[in-house]
Amino acid sequence: MKKDFVDPLSWDLLPHPAILATVEAVLLLFNIPKPPSNRSTSTAETMWRNIWGLWIVKNIDAHSSGWEWVATNEPTGLFTKPYALSPTHLDRVEQLLEQTFAIPDSHRCWTNRMHAYACLRDWAAACAKYVHMMHHCLPTFPPYADIQKLVMPPKRTPQANVWFRIETPEGIECFYNRLMQSITLTRPEDFDGANVTSISGVILELIHDALHNDVATRLELEKRNHQRVRDKLLAEDEWIECFDIQRCENFYYSLKHYRIMYTPPEYGAFVSCRESVAYAAVLRLQAAYRRRRLELKLQIKRAKRASLPVFSASLTRK
């Protein structure tokens, strides 16, 4: 199934307009609008290769069971809510689907290695009817509240939140978006997973896969983990790397144990004297002390000089 969706993206020519209309309808159901026109590339090519290509590759695993909703006659993906279907572009979606169903199923655009997109068209049509029913038919129906209770997921189904928060053993937070299957180290503004107490094993596997595929985020996470461990060691026992002018070699001073070593510490972490706040504070104290001593010496010299007798030039000539 996954191969059938992804392989046509590498073809040189664009697919049939019915396929493009199906793809646009699916994107609109997820509230992803059509891209603006561009002089260099057509709108259809941009939607097919850039938007749809990126979206289907990132979401095919999460939605693979939902494509078979019509075939199995089970509302997987709708009543259990793994999808965030939007009614914003419903009129345009129905118009596009009407164009696609005008092409018979025996047409070569559906039969020539594009059977997966024919199933996708049927799935989008079912979803469009579902969204139309939920937003236009049921709210005006008298027993709407009873139907809402009927189609609500069972209590064992977790809340359909989008974001999940995990924490590394070092205490670094990671945030996972289950719809986009992306991971970030920055807390999102629309974070809705604060009430989640436990994460299922399936979501944890998806998080690990997303972290494994996102090299930049994984490297940044490892960097933050190392920095957190280093900060913890510095808080427990900070060593300062200094330079001995007489011996022309480095030595290490412990702020906790007040001792000096000429070899790097086996336990704990050390910082360069240029980066140490304590070392900079000592230098400022020494500079202030020496400046104060110098000012006192100057004051004493000035007082002595003021008490000495002064001889004028006329008395010297006499």
C-alpha atoms as a PDB file:
ATOM      1  CA  MET A   1       0.000   0.000   0.000  1.00  0.00           C
ATOM      2  CA  LYS A   2       2.731   2.467   0.965  1.00  0.00           C
ATOM      3  CA  LYS A   3       4.711   1.730  -2.199  1.00  0.00           C
ATOM      4  CA  ASP A   4       1.626   2.308  -4.353  1.00  0.00           C
ATOM      5  CA  PHE A   5       1.227   5.818  -2.951  1.00  0.00           C
ATOM      6  CA  VAL A   6       4.879   6.857  -3.007  1.00  0.00           C
ATOM      7  CA  ASP A   7       6.149   5.410  -6.311  1.00  0.00           C
ATOM      8  CA  PRO A   8       4.104   7.731  -8.609  1.00  0.00           C
ATOM      9  CA  LEU A   9       5.828  10.728  -7.011  1.00  0.00           C
ATOM     10  CA  SER A  10       9.078   9.813  -8.810  1.00  0.00           C
ATOM     11  CA  TRP A  11       7.510   9.672 -12.263  1.00  0.00           C
ATOM     12  CA  ASP A  12       8.526  12.342 -14.761  1.00  0.00           C
ATOM     13  CA  LEU A  13       4.996  13.294 -15.834  1.00  0.00           C
ATOM     14  CA  LEU A  14       2.160  14.462 -13.634  1.00  0.00           C
ATOM     15  CA  PRO A  15      -0.720  12.013 -13.103  1.00  0.00           C
ATOM     16  CA  HIS A  16      -4.199  12.345 -14.569  1.00  0.00           C
ATOM     17  CA  PRO A  17      -6.226  15.409 -13.438  1.00  0.00           C
ATOM     18  CA  ALA A  18      -8.586  13.040 -11.602  1.00  0.00           C
ATOM     19  CA  ILE A  19      -5.668  11.870  -9.445  1.00  0.00           C
ATOM     20  CA  LEU A  20      -4.655  15.474  -8.778  1.00  0.00           C
ATOM     21  CA  ALA A  21      -8.243  16.329  -7.832  1.00  0.00           C
ATOM     22  CA  THR A  22      -8.300  13.387  -5.396  1.00  0.00           C
ATOM     23  CA  VAL A  23      -5.058  14.507  -3.809  1.00  0.00           C
ATOM     24  CA  GLU A  24      -6.281  18.097  -3.481  1.00  0.00           C
ATOM     25  CA  ALA A  25      -9.512  16.873  -1.868  1.00  0.00           C
ATOM     26  CA  VAL A  26      -7.590  14.849   0.726  1.00  0.00           C
ATOM     27  CA  LEU A  27      -5.336  17.786   1.544  1.00  0.00           C
ATOM     28  CA  LEU A  28      -8.330  20.091   1.921  1.00  0.00           C
ATOM     29  CA  LEU A  29      -9.967  17.610   4.291  1.00  0.00           C
ATOM     30  CA  PHE A  30      -6.916  18.083   6.499  1.00  0.00           C
ATOM     31  CA  ASN A  31      -7.153  21.872   6.005  1.00  0.00           C
ATOM     32  CA  ILE A  32      -4.041  22.122   3.799  1.00  0.00           C
ATOM     33  CA  PRO A  33      -4.980  24.685   1.117  1.00  0.00           C
ATOM     34  CA  LYS A  34      -3.808  24.661  -2.473  1.00  0.00           C
ATOM     35  CA  PRO A  35      -0.493  26.529  -2.987  1.00  0.00           C
ATOM     36  CA  PRO A  36      -0.466  29.904  -4.744  1.00  0.00           C
ATOM     37  CA  SER A  37       0.536  30.067  -8.404  1.00  0.00           C
ATOM     38  CA  ASN A  38       4.241  30.319  -9.224  1.00  0.00           C
ATOM     39  CA  ARG A  39       5.908  31.433 -12.436  1.00  0.00           C
ATOM     40  CA  SER A  40       8.597  28.733 -12.375  1.00  0.00           C
ATOM     41  CA  THR A  41       6.314  25.750 -11.634  1.00  0.00           C
ATOM     42  CA  SER A  42       2.621  25.108 -12.100  1.00  0.00           C
ATOM     43  CA  THR A  43       0.251  24.953  -9.160  1.00  0.00           C
ATOM     44  CA  ALA A  44      -0.555  21.306  -9.854  1.00  0.00           C
ATOM     45  CA  GLU A  45       3.127  20.324  -9.933  1.00  0.00           C
ATOM     46  CA  THR A  46       3.832  22.206  -6.701  1.00  0.00           C
ATOM     47  CA  MET A  47       0.887  20.535  -4.978  1.00  0.00           C
ATOM     48  CA  TRP A  48       1.794  17.061  -6.275  1.00  0.00           C
ATOM     49  CA  ARG A  49       5.559  16.995  -5.784  1.00  0.00           C
ATOM     50  CA  ASN A  50       6.070  19.344  -2.843  1.00  0.00           C
ATOM     51  CA  ILE A  51       2.966  19.450  -0.631  1.00  0.00           C
ATOM     52  CA  TRP A  52       1.460  16.028  -1.311  1.00  0.00           C
ATOM     53  CA  GLY A  53       4.868  14.340  -1.612  1.00  0.00           C
ATOM     54  CA  LEU A  54       5.988  15.661   1.768  1.00  0.00           C
ATOM     55  CA  TRP A  55       2.655  15.032   3.498  1.00  0.00           C
ATOM     56  CA  ILE A  56       2.109  11.456   2.284  1.00  0.00           C
ATOM     57  CA  VAL A  57       5.663  10.375   3.094  1.00  0.00           C
ATOM     58  CA  LYS A  58       5.375  11.728   6.645  1.00  0.00           C
ATOM     59  CA  ASN A  59       1.837  10.457   7.302  1.00  0.00           C
ATOM     60  CA  ILE A  60       1.392   7.248   5.311  1.00  0.00           C
ATOM     61  CA  ASP A  61       2.263   5.027   8.289  1.00  0.00           C
ATOM     62  CA  ALA A  62      -0.124   6.817  10.646  1.00  0.00           C
ATOM     63  CA  HIS A  63      -3.007   6.740   8.150  1.00  0.00           C
ATOM     64  CA  SER A  64      -2.409   3.382   6.471  1.00  0.00           C
ATOM     65  CA  SER A  65      -5.231   1.679   8.401  1.00  0.00           C
ATOM     66  CA  GLY A  66      -7.666   4.493   7.677  1.00  0.00           C
ATOM     67  CA  TRP A  67      -7.455   4.140   3.887  1.00  0.00           C
ATOM     68  CA  GLU A  68      -9.233   0.767   4.210  1.00  0.00           C
ATOM     69  CA  TRP A  69     -12.225   2.229   6.039  1.00  0.00           C
ATOM     70  CA  VAL A  70     -14.580   1.813   3.092  1.00  0.00           C
ATOM     71  CA  ALA A  71     -13.353  -1.681   2.252  1.00  0.00           C
ATOM     72  CA  THR A  72     -13.807  -3.069   5.766  1.00  0.00           C
ATOM     73  CA  ASN A  73     -16.989  -1.092   6.483  1.00  0.00           C
ATOM     74  CA  GLU A  74     -15.590  -0.111   9.890  1.00  0.00           C
ATOM     75  CA  PRO A  75     -15.271   3.511  11.029  1.00  0.00           C
ATOM     76  CA  THR A  76     -11.564   3.181  11.839  1.00  0.00           C
ATOM     77  CA  GLY A  77     -10.063   6.617  11.941  1.00  0.00           C
ATOM     78  CA  LEU A  78     -13.314   8.504  12.319  1.00  0.00           C
ATOM     79  CA  PHE A  79     -15.067   7.598  15.560  1.00  0.00           C
ATOM     80  CA  THR A  80     -11.760   6.851  17.302  1.00  0.00           C
ATOM     81  CA  LYS A  81     -10.493  10.219  16.007  1.00  0.00           C
ATOM     82  CA  PRO A  82      -6.941   9.752  14.783  1.00  0.00           C
ATOM     83  CA  TYR A  83      -7.793  12.300  12.076  1.00  0.00           C
ATOM     84  CA  ALA A  84      -8.448  16.031  12.342  1.00  0.00           C
ATOM     85  CA  LEU A  85     -10.891  16.436   9.450  1.00  0.00           C
ATOM     86  CA  SER A  86     -11.861  20.028   8.690  1.00  0.00           C
ATOM     87  CA  PRO A  87     -15.142  21.322   7.229  1.00  0.00           C
ATOM     88  CA  THR A  88     -13.541  24.593   6.086  1.00  0.00           C
ATOM     89  CA  HIS A  89     -13.191  23.574   2.418  1.00  0.00           C
ATOM     90  CA  LEU A  90     -16.023  21.048   2.293  1.00  0.00           C
ATOM     91  CA  ASP A  91     -17.744  22.665  -0.716  1.00  0.00           C
ATOM     92  CA  ARG A  92     -14.522  22.557  -2.740  1.00  0.00           C
ATOM     93  CA  VAL A  93     -13.900  18.955  -1.635  1.00  0.00           C
ATOM     94  CA  GLU A  94     -17.356  17.847  -2.821  1.00  0.00           C
ATOM     95  CA  GLN A  95     -16.795  19.638  -6.138  1.00  0.00           C
ATOM     96  CA  LEU A  96     -13.448  17.890  -6.668  1.00  0.00           C
ATOM     97  CA  LEU A  97     -14.842  14.485  -5.755  1.00  0.00           C
ATOM     98  CA  GLU A  98     -17.705  14.981  -8.184  1.00  0.00           C
ATOM     99  CA  GLN A  99     -15.122  15.516 -10.934  1.00  0.00           C
ATOM    100  CA  THR A 100     -13.228  12.374  -9.967  1.00  0.00           C
ATOM    101  CA  PHE A 101     -16.333  10.171  -9.903  1.00  0.00           C
ATOM    102  CA  ALA A 102     -17.186  11.406 -13.408  1.00  0.00           C
ATOM    103  CA  ILE A 103     -14.240   9.273 -14.563  1.00  0.00           C
ATOM    104  CA  PRO A 104     -15.303   5.587 -14.580  1.00  0.00           C
ATOM    105  CA  ASP A 105     -13.396   3.043 -12.528  1.00  0.00           C
ATOM    106  CA  SER A 106     -12.374   1.241 -15.713  1.00  0.00           C
ATOM    107  CA  HIS A 107     -10.447   4.278 -16.959  1.00  0.00           C
ATOM    108  CA  ARG A 108      -6.710   3.750 -17.311  1.00  0.00           C
ATOM    109  CA  CYS A 109      -5.968   6.594 -14.858  1.00  0.00           C
ATOM    110  CA  TRP A 110      -7.282   4.330 -12.088  1.00  0.00           C
ATOM    111  CA  THR A 111      -6.255   0.934 -13.401  1.00  0.00           C
ATOM    112  CA  ASN A 112      -2.714   1.725 -14.613  1.00  0.00           C
ATOM    113  CA  ARG A 113      -0.713   1.288 -11.365  1.00  0.00           C
ATOM    114  CA  MET A 114      -2.924   3.825  -9.553  1.00  0.00           C
ATOM    115  CA  HIS A 115      -5.406   1.534  -7.810  1.00  0.00           C
ATOM    116  CA  ALA A 116      -4.310   2.930  -4.417  1.00  0.00           C
ATOM    117  CA  TYR A 117      -5.470   6.393  -5.457  1.00  0.00           C
ATOM    118  CA  ALA A 118      -8.830   4.948  -6.530  1.00  0.00           C
ATOM    119  CA  CYS A 119      -9.229   3.601  -2.988  1.00  0.00           C
ATOM    120  CA  LEU A 120      -8.101   6.985  -1.688  1.00  0.00           C
ATOM    121  CA  ARG A 121     -10.846   8.654  -3.727  1.00  0.00           C
ATOM    122  CA  ASP A 122     -13.463   6.373  -2.141  1.00  0.00           C
ATOM    123  CA  TRP A 123     -12.033   7.066   1.315  1.00  0.00           C
ATOM    124  CA  ALA A 124     -12.125  10.849   0.718  1.00  0.00           C
ATOM    125  CA  ALA A 125     -15.736  10.593  -0.448  1.00  0.00           C
ATOM    126  CA  ALA A 126     -16.707   8.713   2.700  1.00  0.00           C
ATOM    127  CA  CYS A 127     -14.893  11.265   4.849  1.00  0.00           C
ATOM    128  CA  ALA A 128     -16.603  14.154   3.046  1.00  0.00           C
ATOM    129  CA  LYS A 129     -20.004  12.600   3.722  1.00  0.00           C
ATOM    130  CA  TYR A 130     -19.051  12.058   7.342  1.00  0.00           C
ATOM    131  CA  VAL A 131     -17.908  15.687   7.772  1.00  0.00           C
ATOM    132  CA  HIS A 132     -21.083  16.927   6.038  1.00  0.00           C
ATOM    133  CA  MET A 133     -23.207  14.775   8.343  1.00  0.00           C
ATOM    134  CA  MET A 134     -21.405  15.920  11.501  1.00  0.00           C
ATOM    135  CA  HIS A 135     -21.471  19.657  10.704  1.00  0.00           C
ATOM    136  CA  HIS A 136     -24.619  20.174   8.624  1.00  0.00           C
ATOM    137  CA  CYS A 137     -27.105  17.369   9.313  1.00  0.00           C
ATOM    138  CA  LEU A 138     -26.754  16.156  12.871  1.00  0.00           C
ATOM    139  CA  PRO A 139     -26.694  19.567  14.636  1.00  0.00           C
ATOM    140  CA  THR A 140     -30.211  20.289  13.321  1.00  0.00           C
ATOM    141  CA  PHE A 141     -31.490  16.837  14.254  1.00  0.00           C
ATOM    142  CA  PRO A 142     -33.512  16.774  17.520  1.00  0.00           C
ATOM    143  CA  PRO A 143     -31.778  13.777  19.164  1.00  0.00           C
ATOM    144  CA  TYR A 144     -28.325  15.178  18.323  1.00  0.00           C
ATOM    145  CA  ALA A 145     -27.097  14.957  21.933  1.00  0.00           C
ATOM    146  CA  ASP A 146     -28.026  11.259  22.102  1.00  0.00           C
ATOM    147  CA  ILE A 147     -26.218  10.550  18.834  1.00  0.00           C
ATOM    148  CA  GLN A 148     -23.138  12.341  20.149  1.00  0.00           C
ATOM    149  CA  LYS A 149     -23.103   9.971  23.112  1.00  0.00           C
ATOM    150  CA  LEU A 150     -23.513   7.048  20.717  1.00  0.00           C
ATOM    151  CA  VAL A 151     -20.559   7.929  18.489  1.00  0.00           C
ATOM    152  CA  MET A 152     -18.246   9.031  21.286  1.00  0.00           C
ATOM    153  CA  PRO A 153     -15.207   6.794  21.760  1.00  0.00           C
ATOM    154  CA  PRO A 154     -15.264   4.424  24.734  1.00  0.00           C
ATOM    155  CA  LYS A 155     -13.754   5.623  27.989  1.00  0.00           C
ATOM    156  CA  ARG A 156     -10.686   3.466  27.510  1.00  0.00           C
ATOM    157  CA  THR A 157      -9.809   5.459  24.384  1.00  0.00           C
ATOM    158  CA  PRO A 158      -7.290   8.169  25.300  1.00  0.00           C
ATOM    159  CA  GLN A 159      -8.032  11.802  24.647  1.00  0.00           C
ATOM    160  CA  ALA A 160      -7.337  12.779  21.066  1.00  0.00           C
ATOM    161  CA  ASN A 161      -4.497  15.140  21.873  1.00  0.00           C
ATOM    162  CA  VAL A 162      -2.011  16.075  19.174  1.00  0.00           C
ATOM    163  CA  TRP A 163       1.137  16.640  21.256  1.00  0.00           C
ATOM    164  CA  PHE A 164       2.969  14.257  23.551  1.00  0.00           C
ATOM    165  CA  ARG A 165       5.737  15.157  25.983  1.00  0.00           C
ATOM    166  CA  ILE A 166       8.597  12.852  26.888  1.00  0.00           C
ATOM    167  CA  GLU A 167      11.656  13.464  29.020  1.00  0.00           C
ATOM    168  CA  THR A 168      15.126  11.976  28.678  1.00  0.00           C
ATOM    169  CA  PRO A 169      16.931  10.485  31.701  1.00  0.00           C
ATOM    170  CA  GLU A 170      18.949  13.704  31.843  1.00  0.00           C
ATOM    171  CA  GLY A 171      15.749  15.789  32.134  1.00  0.00           C
ATOM    172  CA  ILE A 172      15.563  17.207  28.573  1.00  0.00           C
ATOM    173  CA  GLU A 173      11.994  17.658  27.280  1.00  0.00           C
ATOM    174  CA  CYS A 174      10.905  16.494  23.811  1.00  0.00           C
ATOM    175  CA  PHE A 175       7.536  17.181  22.174  1.00  0.00           C
ATOM    176  CA  TYR A 176       6.025  14.888  19.524  1.00  0.00           C
ATOM    177  CA  ASN A 177       3.242  15.788  17.087  1.00  0.00           C
ATOM    178  CA  ARG A 178       1.304  12.641  16.188  1.00  0.00           C
ATOM    179  CA  LEU A 179      -0.343  14.178  13.107  1.00  0.00           C
ATOM    180  CA  MET A 180       2.816  15.509  11.469  1.00  0.00           C
ATOM    181  CA  GLN A 181       4.984  12.776  13.044  1.00  0.00           C
ATOM    182  CA  SER A 182       7.584  15.384  13.909  1.00  0.00           C
ATOM    183  CA  ILE A 183       9.560  16.004  17.073  1.00  0.00           C
ATOM    184  CA  THR A 184      10.836  19.272  18.540  1.00  0.00           C
ATOM    185  CA  LEU A 185      12.752  20.334  21.631  1.00  0.00           C
ATOM    186  CA  THR A 186      10.868  23.628  21.985  1.00  0.00           C
ATOM    187  CA  ARG A 187       7.523  23.603  23.798  1.00  0.00           C
ATOM    188  CA  PRO A 188       4.838  24.414  21.164  1.00  0.00           C
ATOM    189  CA  GLU A 189       2.331  27.161  21.784  1.00  0.00           C
ATOM    190  CA  ASP A 190      -0.607  24.822  21.078  1.00  0.00           C
ATOM    191  CA  PHE A 191       0.659  22.062  23.386  1.00  0.00           C
ATOM    192  CA  ASP A 192      -2.325  19.993  24.568  1.00  0.00           C
ATOM    193  CA  GLY A 193      -0.669  16.984  26.199  1.00  0.00           C
ATOM    194  CA  ALA A 194      -0.320  18.318  29.736  1.00  0.00           C
ATOM    195  CA  ASN A 195      -2.996  15.929  31.044  1.00  0.00           C
ATOM    196  CA  VAL A 196      -1.496  12.812  29.466  1.00  0.00           C
ATOM    197  CA  THR A 197      -0.233  10.581  32.271  1.00  0.00           C
ATOM    198  CA  SER A 198       0.939   7.598  30.206  1.00  0.00           C
ATOM    199  CA  ILE A 199       1.974   7.152  26.573  1.00  0.00           C
ATOM    200  CA  SER A 200       1.156   3.975  24.673  1.00  0.00           C
ATOM    201  CA  GLY A 201       3.868   1.758  23.283  1.00  0.00           C
ATOM    202  CA  VAL A 202       2.822   2.523  19.699  1.00  0.00           C
ATOM    203  CA  ILE A 203       3.301   6.262  20.226  1.00  0.00           C
ATOM    204  CA  LEU A 204       6.670   5.639  21.899  1.00  0.00           C
ATOM    205  CA  GLU A 205       7.818   3.621  18.887  1.00  0.00           C
ATOM    206  CA  LEU A 206       6.709   6.432  16.562  1.00  0.00           C
ATOM    207  CA  ILE A 207       8.618   8.939  18.720  1.00  0.00           C
ATOM    208  CA  HIS A 208      11.766   6.817  18.565  1.00  0.00           C
ATOM    209  CA  ASP A 209      11.414   6.458  14.781  1.00  0.00           C
ATOM    210  CA  ALA A 210      10.894  10.203  14.348  1.00  0.00           C
ATOM    211  CA  LEU A 211      13.926  10.937  16.508  1.00  0.00           C
ATOM    212  CA  HIS A 212      16.004   8.408  14.584  1.00  0.00           C
ATOM    213  CA  ASN A 213      15.041   9.941  11.220  1.00  0.00           C
ATOM    214  CA  ASP A 214      15.531  13.566  12.351  1.00  0.00           C
ATOM    215  CA  VAL A 215      19.321  13.737  12.534  1.00  0.00           C
ATOM    216  CA  ALA A 216      19.521  17.440  13.432  1.00  0.00           C
ATOM    217  CA  THR A 217      17.118  17.100  16.366  1.00  0.00           C
ATOM    218  CA  ARG A 218      18.862  13.950  17.583  1.00  0.00           C
ATOM    219  CA  LEU A 219      22.269  15.653  17.565  1.00  0.00           C
ATOM    220  CA  GLU A 220      20.852  18.694  19.367  1.00  0.00           C
ATOM    221  CA  LEU A 221      19.270  16.408  21.955  1.00  0.00           C
ATOM    222  CA  GLU A 222      22.563  14.594  22.548  1.00  0.00           C
ATOM    223  CA  LYS A 223      24.312  17.943  22.870  1.00  0.00           C
ATOM    224  CA  ARG A 224      21.800  19.131  25.479  1.00  0.00           C
ATOM    225  CA  ASN A 225      22.065  15.841  27.358  1.00  0.00           C
ATOM    226  CA  HIS A 226      25.852  16.161  27.562  1.00  0.00           C
ATOM    227  CA  GLN A 227      25.521  19.781  28.655  1.00  0.00           C
ATOM    228  CA  ARG A 228      22.994  18.828  31.353  1.00  0.00           C
ATOM    229  CA  VAL A 229      25.319  16.108  32.688  1.00  0.00           C
ATOM    230  CA  ARG A 230      28.234  18.534  32.648  1.00  0.00           C
ATOM    231  CA  ASP A 231      26.232  21.210  34.475  1.00  0.00           C
ATOM    232  CA  LYS A 232      25.237  18.644  37.095  1.00  0.00           C
ATOM    233  CA  LEU A 233      28.871  17.628  37.641  1.00  0.00           C
ATOM    234  CA  LEU A 234      29.916  21.268  37.852  1.00  0.00           C
ATOM    235  CA  ALA A 235      27.216  21.898  40.444  1.00  0.00           C
ATOM    236  CA  GLU A 236      28.492  18.953  42.511  1.00  0.00           C
ATOM    237  CA  ASP A 237      32.219  19.674  42.210  1.00  0.00           C
ATOM    238  CA  GLU A 238      33.483  22.433  39.939  1.00  0.00           C
ATOM    239  CA  TRP A 239      37.133  22.434  38.892  1.00  0.00           C
ATOM    240  CA  ILE A 240      38.810  25.398  37.226  1.00  0.00           C
ATOM    241  CA  GLU A 241      41.544  24.874  34.671  1.00  0.00           C
ATOM    242  CA  CYS A 242      44.300  27.432  35.237  1.00  0.00           C
ATOM    243  CA  PHE A 243      47.818  27.957  33.861  1.00  0.00           C
ATOM    244  CA  ASP A 244      50.971  27.947  35.985  1.00  0.00           C
ATOM    245  CA  ILE A 245      53.347  30.553  34.557  1.00  0.00           C
ATOM    246  CA  GLN A 246      56.394  29.242  36.429  1.00  0.00           C
ATOM    247  CA  ARG A 247      55.927  25.576  35.477  1.00  0.00           C
ATOM    248  CA  CYS A 248      54.337  26.397  32.086  1.00  0.00           C
ATOM    249  CA  GLU A 249      51.583  23.816  32.485  1.00  0.00           C
ATOM    250  CA  ASN A 250      47.927  23.622  33.376  1.00  0.00           C
ATOM    251  CA  PHE A 251      46.654  22.894  36.857  1.00  0.00           C
ATOM    252  CA  TYR A 252      43.167  22.339  38.234  1.00  0.00           C
ATOM    253  CA  TYR A 253      41.636  23.940  41.317  1.00  0.00           C
ATOM    254  CA  SER A 254      38.578  22.531  43.124  1.00  0.00           C
ATOM    255  CA  LEU A 255      36.135  25.095  44.450  1.00  0.00           C
ATOM    256  CA  LYS A 256      34.562  22.496  46.741  1.00  0.00           C
ATOM    257  CA  HIS A 257      37.659  20.833  48.230  1.00  0.00           C
ATOM    258  CA  TYR A 258      40.051  23.818  47.926  1.00  0.00           C
ATOM    259  CA  ARG A 259      42.852  21.724  46.462  1.00  0.00           C
ATOM    260  CA  ILE A 260      45.064  21.771  43.387  1.00  0.00           C
ATOM    261  CA  MET A 261      45.829  18.967  40.919  1.00  0.00           C
ATOM    262  CA  TYR A 262      48.161  18.955  37.945  1.00  0.00           C
ATOM    263  CA  THR A 263      46.163  16.231  36.194  1.00  0.00           C
ATOM    264  CA  PRO A 264      42.550  16.502  34.987  1.00  0.00           C
ATOM    265  CA  PRO A 265      40.058  15.361  37.658  1.00  0.00           C
ATOM    266  CA  GLU A 266      38.760  11.821  37.292  1.00  0.00           C
ATOM    267  CA  TYR A 267      35.390  12.757  38.781  1.00  0.00           C
ATOM    268  CA  GLY A 268      33.638  16.030  38.211  1.00  0.00           C
ATOM    269  CA  ALA A 269      33.945  18.473  35.344  1.00  0.00           C
ATOM    270  CA  PHE A 270      36.251  21.390  34.805  1.00  0.00           C
ATOM    271  CA  VAL A 271      35.892  24.688  33.000  1.00  0.00           C
ATOM    272  CA  SER A 272      38.496  26.962  31.570  1.00  0.00           C
ATOM    273  CA  CYS A 273      39.499  29.938  33.678  1.00  0.00           C
ATOM    274  CA  ARG A 274      38.174  32.158  30.873  1.00  0.00           C
ATOM    275  CA  GLU A 275      34.691  30.670  31.306  1.00  0.00           C
ATOM    276  CA  SER A 276      34.604  30.342  35.107  1.00  0.00           C
ATOM    277  CA  VAL A 277      32.456  32.873  36.933  1.00  0.00           C
ATOM    278  CA  ALA A 278      34.294  32.163  40.210  1.00  0.00           C
ATOM    279  CA  TYR A 279      37.697  32.738  38.598  1.00  0.00           C
ATOM    280  CA  ALA A 280      36.503  36.030  37.122  1.00  0.00           C
ATOM    281  CA  ALA A 281      35.175  37.053  40.552  1.00  0.00           C
ATOM    282  CA  VAL A 282      38.564  36.290  42.163  1.00  0.00           C
ATOM    283  CA  LEU A 283      40.341  38.379  39.538  1.00  0.00           C
ATOM    284  CA  ARG A 284      37.974  41.286  40.182  1.00  0.00           C
ATOM    285  CA  LEU A 285      38.522  40.988  43.945  1.00  0.00           C
ATOM    286  CA  GLN A 286      42.288  40.888  43.492  1.00  0.00           C
ATOM    287  CA  ALA A 287      42.180  43.878  41.163  1.00  0.00           C
ATOM    288  CA  ALA A 288      40.005  45.832  43.617  1.00  0.00           C
ATOM    289  CA  TYR A 289      42.290  44.887  46.540  1.00  0.00           C
ATOM    290  CA  ARG A 290      45.458  45.934  44.677  1.00  0.00           C
ATOM    291  CA  ARG A 291      43.822  49.156  43.521  1.00  0.00           C
ATOM    292  CA  ARG A 292      42.803  49.918  47.109  1.00  0.00           C
ATOM    293  CA  ARG A 293      46.333  49.195  48.383  1.00  0.00           C
ATOM    294  CA  LEU A 294      47.774  51.473  45.726  1.00  0.00           C
ATOM    295  CA  GLU A 295      45.355  54.265  46.622  1.00  0.00           C
ATOM    296  CA  LEU A 296      46.321  53.966  50.291  1.00  0.00           C
ATOM    297  CA  LYS A 297      50.036  54.163  49.438  1.00  0.00           C
ATOM    298  CA  LEU A 298      49.420  57.236  47.308  1.00  0.00           C
ATOM    299  CA  GLN A 299      47.472  58.899  50.101  1.00  0.00           C
ATOM    300  CA  ILE A 300      50.316  58.217  52.574  1.00  0.00           C
ATOM    301  CA  LYS A 301      52.917  59.641  50.176  1.00  0.00           C
ATOM    302  CA  ARG A 302      50.817  62.755  49.579  1.00  0.00           C
ATOM    303  CA  ALA A 303      50.404  63.282  53.336  1.00  0.00           C
ATOM    304  CA  LYS A 304      54.138  62.967  53.910  1.00  0.00           C
ATOM    305  CA  ARG A 305      54.888  65.290  51.041  1.00  0.00           C
ATOM    306  CA  ALA A 306      52.480  67.898  52.416  1.00  0.00           C
ATOM    307  CA  SER A 307      54.197  67.841  55.856  1.00  0.00           C
ATOM    308  CA  LEU A 308      57.717  68.498  54.482  1.00  0.00           C
ATOM    309  CA  PRO A 309      59.042  72.126  54.642  1.00  0.00           C
ATOM    310  CA  VAL A 310      58.967  74.150  51.477  1.00  0.00           C
ATOM    311  CA  PHE A 311      61.925  76.425  50.610  1.00  0.00           C
ATOM    312  CA  SER A 312      61.407  79.341  48.270  1.00  0.00           C
ATOM    313  CA  ALA A 313      63.882  80.311  45.545  1.00  0.00           C
ATOM    314  CA  SER A 314      64.705  83.714  47.148  1.00  0.00           C
ATOM    315  CA  LEU A 315      65.830  82.128  50.425  1.00  0.00           C
ATOM    316  CA  THR A 316      68.029  79.757  48.514  1.00  0.00           C
ATOM    317  CA  ARG A 317      69.938  82.657  46.827  1.00  0.00           C
ATOM    318  CA  LYS A 318      70.631  84.379  50.176  1.00  0.00           C
END
